[in-house]
PDB file of all heavy atoms in Angstrom:
ATOM      1  N   LYS A   1     120.425 166.209  88.084  1.00  0.00           N
ATOM      2  CA  LYS A   1     119.469 167.144  87.614  1.00  0.00           C
ATOM      3  C   LYS A   1     118.719 166.509  86.477  1.00  0.00           C
ATOM      4  O   LYS A   1     117.403 166.732  86.305  1.00  0.00           O
ATOM      5  CB  LYS A   1     120.038 168.452  87.203  1.00  0.00           C
ATOM      6  CG  LYS A   1     120.400 169.428  88.323  1.00  0.00           C
ATOM      7  CD  LYS A   1     120.940 170.801  87.949  1.00  0.00           C
ATOM      8  CE  LYS A   1     119.797 171.556  87.352  1.00  0.00           C
ATOM      9  NZ  LYS A   1     120.207 173.015  86.994  1.00  0.00           N
ATOM     10  N   THR A   2     119.510 165.829  85.555  1.00  0.00           N
ATOM     11  CA  THR A   2     118.768 165.113  84.479  1.00  0.00           C
ATOM     12  C   THR A   2     117.867 164.076  84.956  1.00  0.00           C
ATOM     13  O   THR A   2     116.731 163.884  84.525  1.00  0.00           O
ATOM     14  CB  THR A   2     119.840 164.563  83.532  1.00  0.00           C
ATOM     15  OG1 THR A   2     120.792 165.563  83.052  1.00  0.00           O
ATOM     16  CG2 THR A   2     119.285 163.832  82.385  1.00  0.00           C
ATOM     17  N   LEU A   3     118.268 163.306  85.899  1.00  0.00           N
ATOM     18  CA  LEU A   3     117.398 162.203  86.540  1.00  0.00           C
ATOM     19  C   LEU A   3     116.255 162.797  87.249  1.00  0.00           C
ATOM     20  O   LEU A   3     115.137 162.267  87.151  1.00  0.00           O
ATOM     21  CB  LEU A   3     118.356 161.454  87.587  1.00  0.00           C
ATOM     22  CG  LEU A   3     117.516 160.202  88.268  1.00  0.00           C
ATOM     23  CD1 LEU A   3     117.089 159.237  87.230  1.00  0.00           C
ATOM     24  CD2 LEU A   3     118.454 159.588  89.335  1.00  0.00           C
ATOM     25  N   LEU A   4     116.449 163.948  87.886  1.00  0.00           N
ATOM     26  CA  LEU A   4     115.369 164.630  88.585  1.00  0.00           C
ATOM     27  C   LEU A   4     114.357 165.104  87.500  1.00  0.00           C
ATOM     28  O   LEU A   4     113.080 164.992  87.865  1.00  0.00           O
ATOM     29  CB  LEU A   4     115.910 165.848  89.321  1.00  0.00           C
ATOM     30  CG  LEU A   4     114.858 166.720  90.067  1.00  0.00           C
ATOM     31  CD1 LEU A   4     114.116 165.873  91.131  1.00  0.00           C
ATOM     32  CD2 LEU A   4     115.561 167.890  90.750  1.00  0.00           C
ATOM     33  N   ALA A   5     114.818 165.627  86.506  1.00  0.00           N
ATOM     34  CA  ALA A   5     113.906 166.115  85.388  1.00  0.00           C
ATOM     35  C   ALA A   5     113.048 164.894  84.877  1.00  0.00           C
ATOM     36  O   ALA A   5     111.814 165.048  84.598  1.00  0.00           O
ATOM     37  CB  ALA A   5     114.591 166.778  84.245  1.00  0.00           C
ATOM     38  N   LYS A   6     113.731 163.752  84.664  1.00  0.00           N
ATOM     39  CA  LYS A   6     113.066 162.625  84.215  1.00  0.00           C
ATOM     40  C   LYS A   6     111.974 162.059  85.224  1.00  0.00           C
ATOM     41  O   LYS A   6     110.893 161.665  84.850  1.00  0.00           O
ATOM     42  CB  LYS A   6     113.999 161.516  83.917  1.00  0.00           C
ATOM     43  CG  LYS A   6     114.911 161.632  82.675  1.00  0.00           C
ATOM     44  CD  LYS A   6     115.846 160.482  82.421  1.00  0.00           C
ATOM     45  CE  LYS A   6     116.691 160.696  81.351  1.00  0.00           C
ATOM     46  NZ  LYS A   6     117.670 159.540  81.067  1.00  0.00           N
ATOM     47  N   GLU A   7     112.446 162.120  86.454  1.00  0.00           N
ATOM     48  CA  GLU A   7     111.459 161.572  87.527  1.00  0.00           C
ATOM     49  C   GLU A   7     110.276 162.569  87.730  1.00  0.00           C
ATOM     50  O   GLU A   7     109.173 162.164  87.906  1.00  0.00           O
ATOM     51  CB  GLU A   7     112.083 161.405  88.855  1.00  0.00           C
ATOM     52  CG  GLU A   7     113.174 160.373  88.832  1.00  0.00           C
ATOM     53  CD  GLU A   7     112.700 159.031  88.324  1.00  0.00           C
ATOM     54  OE1 GLU A   7     111.582 158.696  88.609  1.00  0.00           O
ATOM     55  OE2 GLU A   7     113.449 158.305  87.529  1.00  0.00           O
ATOM     56  N   ALA A   8     110.618 163.824  87.541  1.00  0.00           N
ATOM     57  CA  ALA A   8     109.534 164.857  87.581  1.00  0.00           C
ATOM     58  C   ALA A   8     108.526 164.681  86.452  1.00  0.00           C
ATOM     59  O   ALA A   8     107.356 164.739  86.608  1.00  0.00           O
ATOM     60  CB  ALA A   8     110.086 166.238  87.453  1.00  0.00           C
ATOM     61  N   GLU A   9     109.115 164.329  85.246  1.00  0.00           N
ATOM     62  CA  GLU A   9     108.112 164.081  84.144  1.00  0.00           C
ATOM     63  C   GLU A   9     107.326 162.786  84.376  1.00  0.00           C
ATOM     64  O   GLU A   9     106.086 162.761  84.105  1.00  0.00           O
ATOM     65  CB  GLU A   9     109.086 163.843  82.896  1.00  0.00           C
ATOM     66  CG  GLU A   9     108.283 163.654  81.517  1.00  0.00           C
ATOM     67  CD  GLU A   9     109.076 163.517  80.424  1.00  0.00           C
ATOM     68  OE1 GLU A   9     110.359 163.772  80.399  1.00  0.00           O
ATOM     69  OE2 GLU A   9     108.516 163.256  79.318  1.00  0.00           O
ATOM     70  N   LYS A  10     107.966 161.781  84.966  1.00  0.00           N
ATOM     71  CA  LYS A  10     107.242 160.449  85.308  1.00  0.00           C
ATOM     72  C   LYS A  10     106.205 160.820  86.305  1.00  0.00           C
ATOM     73  O   LYS A  10     105.010 160.316  86.208  1.00  0.00           O
ATOM     74  CB  LYS A  10     108.165 159.468  85.943  1.00  0.00           C
ATOM     75  CG  LYS A  10     109.027 158.841  84.889  1.00  0.00           C
ATOM     76  CD  LYS A  10     109.936 157.764  85.492  1.00  0.00           C
ATOM     77  CE  LYS A  10     110.929 157.090  84.542  1.00  0.00           C
ATOM     78  NZ  LYS A  10     111.750 156.070  85.259  1.00  0.00           N
ATOM     79  N   LEU A  11     106.494 161.665  87.374  1.00  0.00           N
ATOM     80  CA  LEU A  11     105.602 162.083  88.347  1.00  0.00           C
ATOM     81  C   LEU A  11     104.396 162.757  87.820  1.00  0.00           C
ATOM     82  O   LEU A  11     103.210 162.520  88.081  1.00  0.00           O
ATOM     83  CB  LEU A  11     106.182 162.961  89.413  1.00  0.00           C
ATOM     84  CG  LEU A  11     105.353 163.294  90.559  1.00  0.00           C
ATOM     85  CD1 LEU A  11     104.856 162.278  91.310  1.00  0.00           C
ATOM     86  CD2 LEU A  11     106.229 164.259  91.509  1.00  0.00           C
ATOM     87  N   GLN A  12     104.636 163.720  86.885  1.00  0.00           N
ATOM     88  CA  GLN A  12     103.502 164.467  86.277  1.00  0.00           C
ATOM     89  C   GLN A  12     102.702 163.516  85.420  1.00  0.00           C
ATOM     90  O   GLN A  12     101.447 163.742  85.419  1.00  0.00           O
ATOM     91  CB  GLN A  12     104.156 165.647  85.397  1.00  0.00           C
ATOM     92  CG  GLN A  12     104.667 166.794  86.111  1.00  0.00           C
ATOM     93  CD  GLN A  12     103.659 167.467  86.962  1.00  0.00           C
ATOM     94  OE1 GLN A  12     103.861 167.516  88.209  1.00  0.00           O
ATOM     95  NE2 GLN A  12     102.659 167.984  86.425  1.00  0.00           N
ATOM     96  N   PHE A  13     103.312 162.668  84.785  1.00  0.00           N
ATOM     97  CA  PHE A  13     102.516 161.645  83.975  1.00  0.00           C
ATOM     98  C   PHE A  13     101.685 160.874  84.879  1.00  0.00           C
ATOM     99  O   PHE A  13     100.440 160.581  84.526  1.00  0.00           O
ATOM    100  CB  PHE A  13     103.461 160.805  83.164  1.00  0.00           C
ATOM    101  CG  PHE A  13     102.739 159.744  82.208  1.00  0.00           C
ATOM    102  CD1 PHE A  13     102.100 160.163  81.077  1.00  0.00           C
ATOM    103  CD2 PHE A  13     102.771 158.444  82.685  1.00  0.00           C
ATOM    104  CE1 PHE A  13     101.517 159.266  80.277  1.00  0.00           C
ATOM    105  CE2 PHE A  13     102.031 157.493  81.807  1.00  0.00           C
ATOM    106  CZ  PHE A  13     101.429 157.921  80.671  1.00  0.00           C
ATOM    107  N   ALA A  14     102.265 160.298  85.983  1.00  0.00           N
ATOM    108  CA  ALA A  14     101.515 159.646  86.884  1.00  0.00           C
ATOM    109  C   ALA A  14     100.340 160.337  87.526  1.00  0.00           C
ATOM    110  O   ALA A  14      99.255 159.805  87.633  1.00  0.00           O
ATOM    111  CB  ALA A  14     102.405 158.978  88.084  1.00  0.00           C
ATOM    112  N   LEU A  15     100.608 161.589  87.913  1.00  0.00           N
ATOM    113  CA  LEU A  15      99.611 162.404  88.428  1.00  0.00           C
ATOM    114  C   LEU A  15      98.477 162.576  87.411  1.00  0.00           C
ATOM    115  O   LEU A  15      97.260 162.576  87.790  1.00  0.00           O
ATOM    116  CB  LEU A  15     100.106 163.802  88.862  1.00  0.00           C
ATOM    117  CG  LEU A  15     101.051 163.721  90.181  1.00  0.00           C
ATOM    118  CD1 LEU A  15     101.705 165.064  90.415  1.00  0.00           C
ATOM    119  CD2 LEU A  15     100.269 163.295  91.309  1.00  0.00           C
ATOM    120  N   GLY A  16      98.874 162.830  86.142  1.00  0.00           N
ATOM    121  CA  GLY A  16      97.872 162.965  85.045  1.00  0.00           C
ATOM    122  C   GLY A  16      96.985 161.770  84.952  1.00  0.00           C
ATOM    123  O   GLY A  16      95.719 161.812  84.825  1.00  0.00           O
ATOM    124  N   GLU A  17      97.642 160.542  84.991  1.00  0.00           N
ATOM    125  CA  GLU A  17      96.807 159.328  84.939  1.00  0.00           C
ATOM    126  C   GLU A  17      95.977 159.165  86.169  1.00  0.00           C
ATOM    127  O   GLU A  17      94.812 158.698  85.898  1.00  0.00           O
ATOM    128  CB  GLU A  17      97.898 158.165  84.863  1.00  0.00           C
ATOM    129  CG  GLU A  17      98.526 157.937  83.563  1.00  0.00           C
ATOM    130  CD  GLU A  17      99.293 156.621  83.502  1.00  0.00           C
ATOM    131  OE1 GLU A  17      99.877 156.240  84.603  1.00  0.00           O
ATOM    132  OE2 GLU A  17      99.409 156.014  82.481  1.00  0.00           O
ATOM    133  N   ILE A  18      96.393 159.571  87.316  1.00  0.00           N
ATOM    134  CA  ILE A  18      95.641 159.448  88.488  1.00  0.00           C
ATOM    135  C   ILE A  18      94.326 160.485  88.313  1.00  0.00           C
ATOM    136  O   ILE A  18      93.176 159.918  88.724  1.00  0.00           O
ATOM    137  CB  ILE A  18      96.443 159.869  89.672  1.00  0.00           C
ATOM    138  CG1 ILE A  18      97.353 158.815  89.989  1.00  0.00           C
ATOM    139  CG2 ILE A  18      95.411 160.003  90.901  1.00  0.00           C
ATOM    140  CD1 ILE A  18      98.340 159.074  91.135  1.00  0.00           C
ATOM    141  N   GLU A  19      94.542 161.491  87.854  1.00  0.00           N
ATOM    142  CA  GLU A  19      93.449 162.439  87.588  1.00  0.00           C
ATOM    143  C   GLU A  19      92.407 161.884  86.644  1.00  0.00           C
ATOM    144  O   GLU A  19      91.235 161.900  86.900  1.00  0.00           O
ATOM    145  CB  GLU A  19      93.899 163.792  87.104  1.00  0.00           C
ATOM    146  CG  GLU A  19      92.785 164.802  86.967  1.00  0.00           C
ATOM    147  CD  GLU A  19      93.325 166.203  86.548  1.00  0.00           C
ATOM    148  OE1 GLU A  19      94.591 166.312  86.339  1.00  0.00           O
ATOM    149  OE2 GLU A  19      92.585 167.160  86.398  1.00  0.00           O
ATOM    150  N   VAL A  20      92.981 161.290  85.569  1.00  0.00           N
ATOM    151  CA  VAL A  20      91.982 160.681  84.519  1.00  0.00           C
ATOM    152  C   VAL A  20      91.206 159.523  85.153  1.00  0.00           C
ATOM    153  O   VAL A  20      89.994 159.439  84.979  1.00  0.00           O
ATOM    154  CB  VAL A  20      92.813 160.246  83.237  1.00  0.00           C
ATOM    155  CG1 VAL A  20      91.831 159.432  82.346  1.00  0.00           C
ATOM    156  CG2 VAL A  20      93.367 161.394  82.589  1.00  0.00           C
ATOM    157  N   LEU A  21      91.987 158.518  85.890  1.00  0.00           N
ATOM    158  CA  LEU A  21      91.300 157.480  86.568  1.00  0.00           C
ATOM    159  C   LEU A  21      90.261 157.966  87.560  1.00  0.00           C
ATOM    160  O   LEU A  21      89.288 157.278  87.799  1.00  0.00           O
ATOM    161  CB  LEU A  21      92.380 156.541  87.119  1.00  0.00           C
ATOM    162  CG  LEU A  21      93.259 155.847  86.140  1.00  0.00           C
ATOM    163  CD1 LEU A  21      94.422 155.073  86.889  1.00  0.00           C
ATOM    164  CD2 LEU A  21      92.442 154.867  85.278  1.00  0.00           C
ATOM    165  N   SER A  22      90.637 158.970  88.229  1.00  0.00           N
ATOM    166  CA  SER A  22      89.653 159.500  89.360  1.00  0.00           C
ATOM    167  C   SER A  22      88.469 160.012  88.803  1.00  0.00           C
ATOM    168  O   SER A  22      87.410 159.679  89.275  1.00  0.00           O
ATOM    169  CB  SER A  22      90.435 160.628  90.109  1.00  0.00           C
ATOM    170  OG  SER A  22      91.567 160.229  90.812  1.00  0.00           O
ATOM    171  N   LYS A  23      88.560 160.715  87.641  1.00  0.00           N
ATOM    172  CA  LYS A  23      87.372 161.293  86.951  1.00  0.00           C
ATOM    173  C   LYS A  23      86.497 160.067  86.424  1.00  0.00           C
ATOM    174  O   LYS A  23      85.316 160.065  86.427  1.00  0.00           O
ATOM    175  CB  LYS A  23      87.696 162.175  85.806  1.00  0.00           C
ATOM    176  CG  LYS A  23      88.288 163.547  86.309  1.00  0.00           C
ATOM    177  CD  LYS A  23      88.655 164.334  85.047  1.00  0.00           C
ATOM    178  CE  LYS A  23      89.174 165.718  85.555  1.00  0.00           C
ATOM    179  NZ  LYS A  23      89.559 166.652  84.531  1.00  0.00           N
ATOM    180  N   GLN A  24      87.285 159.035  85.843  1.00  0.00           N
ATOM    181  CA  GLN A  24      86.493 157.881  85.314  1.00  0.00           C
ATOM    182  C   GLN A  24      85.853 157.207  86.395  1.00  0.00           C
ATOM    183  O   GLN A  24      84.633 156.715  86.281  1.00  0.00           O
ATOM    184  CB  GLN A  24      87.564 157.037  84.616  1.00  0.00           C
ATOM    185  CG  GLN A  24      86.915 155.701  84.030  1.00  0.00           C
ATOM    186  CD  GLN A  24      87.884 154.903  83.215  1.00  0.00           C
ATOM    187  OE1 GLN A  24      88.983 155.262  83.114  1.00  0.00           O
ATOM    188  NE2 GLN A  24      87.465 153.735  82.833  1.00  0.00           N
ATOM    189  N   LEU A  25      86.667 156.993  87.575  1.00  0.00           N
ATOM    190  CA  LEU A  25      85.983 156.394  88.696  1.00  0.00           C
ATOM    191  C   LEU A  25      84.747 157.077  89.264  1.00  0.00           C
ATOM    192  O   LEU A  25      83.804 156.423  89.553  1.00  0.00           O
ATOM    193  CB  LEU A  25      87.010 156.175  89.861  1.00  0.00           C
ATOM    194  CG  LEU A  25      86.570 155.465  91.169  1.00  0.00           C
ATOM    195  CD1 LEU A  25      86.121 154.021  90.748  1.00  0.00           C
ATOM    196  CD2 LEU A  25      87.638 155.509  92.120  1.00  0.00           C
ATOM    197  N   GLU A  26      84.752 158.435  89.242  1.00  0.00           N
ATOM    198  CA  GLU A  26      83.631 159.237  89.702  1.00  0.00           C
ATOM    199  C   GLU A  26      82.502 159.096  88.859  1.00  0.00           C
ATOM    200  O   GLU A  26      81.313 158.896  89.169  1.00  0.00           O
ATOM    201  CB  GLU A  26      84.089 160.722  89.809  1.00  0.00           C
ATOM    202  CG  GLU A  26      83.009 161.543  90.368  1.00  0.00           C
ATOM    203  CD  GLU A  26      82.697 161.419  91.800  1.00  0.00           C
ATOM    204  OE1 GLU A  26      83.459 160.769  92.546  1.00  0.00           O
ATOM    205  OE2 GLU A  26      81.514 161.664  92.154  1.00  0.00           O
ATOM    206  N   ARG A  27      82.723 159.036  87.484  1.00  0.00           N
ATOM    207  CA  ARG A  27      81.626 158.835  86.553  1.00  0.00           C
ATOM    208  C   ARG A  27      81.054 157.378  86.643  1.00  0.00           C
ATOM    209  O   ARG A  27      79.738 157.304  86.737  1.00  0.00           O
ATOM    210  CB  ARG A  27      82.154 158.965  85.102  1.00  0.00           C
ATOM    211  CG  ARG A  27      82.413 160.364  84.627  1.00  0.00           C
ATOM    212  CD  ARG A  27      82.590 160.493  83.067  1.00  0.00           C
ATOM    213  NE  ARG A  27      83.688 159.680  82.586  1.00  0.00           N
ATOM    214  CZ  ARG A  27      84.967 159.975  82.502  1.00  0.00           C
ATOM    215  NH1 ARG A  27      85.350 161.189  82.831  1.00  0.00           N
ATOM    216  NH2 ARG A  27      85.800 159.188  82.014  1.00  0.00           N
ATOM    217  N   GLU A  28      81.852 156.512  86.884  1.00  0.00           N
ATOM    218  CA  GLU A  28      81.351 155.055  87.028  1.00  0.00           C
ATOM    219  C   GLU A  28      80.586 154.941  88.415  1.00  0.00           C
ATOM    220  O   GLU A  28      79.581 154.257  88.449  1.00  0.00           O
ATOM    221  CB  GLU A  28      82.476 154.092  87.035  1.00  0.00           C
ATOM    222  CG  GLU A  28      83.106 153.867  85.667  1.00  0.00           C
ATOM    223  CD  GLU A  28      84.327 153.048  85.692  1.00  0.00           C
ATOM    224  OE1 GLU A  28      84.707 152.494  86.777  1.00  0.00           O
ATOM    225  OE2 GLU A  28      84.851 152.599  84.608  1.00  0.00           O
ATOM    226  N   LYS A  29      81.142 155.706  89.397  1.00  0.00           N
ATOM    227  CA  LYS A  29      80.350 155.687  90.661  1.00  0.00           C
ATOM    228  C   LYS A  29      78.972 156.266  90.565  1.00  0.00           C
ATOM    229  O   LYS A  29      78.046 155.816  91.143  1.00  0.00           O
ATOM    230  CB  LYS A  29      81.236 156.441  91.685  1.00  0.00           C
ATOM    231  CG  LYS A  29      80.578 156.485  93.057  1.00  0.00           C
ATOM    232  CD  LYS A  29      81.453 157.336  93.964  1.00  0.00           C
ATOM    233  CE  LYS A  29      80.842 157.434  95.474  1.00  0.00           C
ATOM    234  NZ  LYS A  29      81.709 158.248  96.359  1.00  0.00           N
ATOM    235  N   GLN A  30      78.941 157.391  89.802  1.00  0.00           N
ATOM    236  CA  GLN A  30      77.637 158.058  89.608  1.00  0.00           C
ATOM    237  C   GLN A  30      76.705 157.220  88.870  1.00  0.00           C
ATOM    238  O   GLN A  30      75.473 157.089  89.236  1.00  0.00           O
ATOM    239  CB  GLN A  30      77.808 159.371  88.849  1.00  0.00           C
ATOM    240  CG  GLN A  30      78.514 160.478  89.723  1.00  0.00           C
ATOM    241  CD  GLN A  30      78.751 161.702  88.893  1.00  0.00           C
ATOM    242  OE1 GLN A  30      78.487 161.828  87.783  1.00  0.00           O
ATOM    243  NE2 GLN A  30      79.348 162.675  89.653  1.00  0.00           N
ATOM    244  N   ILE A  31      77.174 156.527  87.830  1.00  0.00           N
ATOM    245  CA  ILE A  31      76.391 155.539  86.997  1.00  0.00           C
ATOM    246  C   ILE A  31      75.908 154.377  87.929  1.00  0.00           C
ATOM    247  O   ILE A  31      74.719 154.108  87.898  1.00  0.00           O
ATOM    248  CB  ILE A  31      77.197 155.046  85.802  1.00  0.00           C
ATOM    249  CG1 ILE A  31      77.371 156.086  84.786  1.00  0.00           C
ATOM    250  CG2 ILE A  31      76.410 153.880  85.126  1.00  0.00           C
ATOM    251  CD1 ILE A  31      78.461 155.769  83.779  1.00  0.00           C
TER     252      ILE A  31
END
């Protein structure tokens, strides 16, 4: 459960990074 919580946190962090990068990519695409 502890490992699962850590991996869940990593997953959420990775998903957050993906969202930020996706928005940045969309802005750069529009530019």
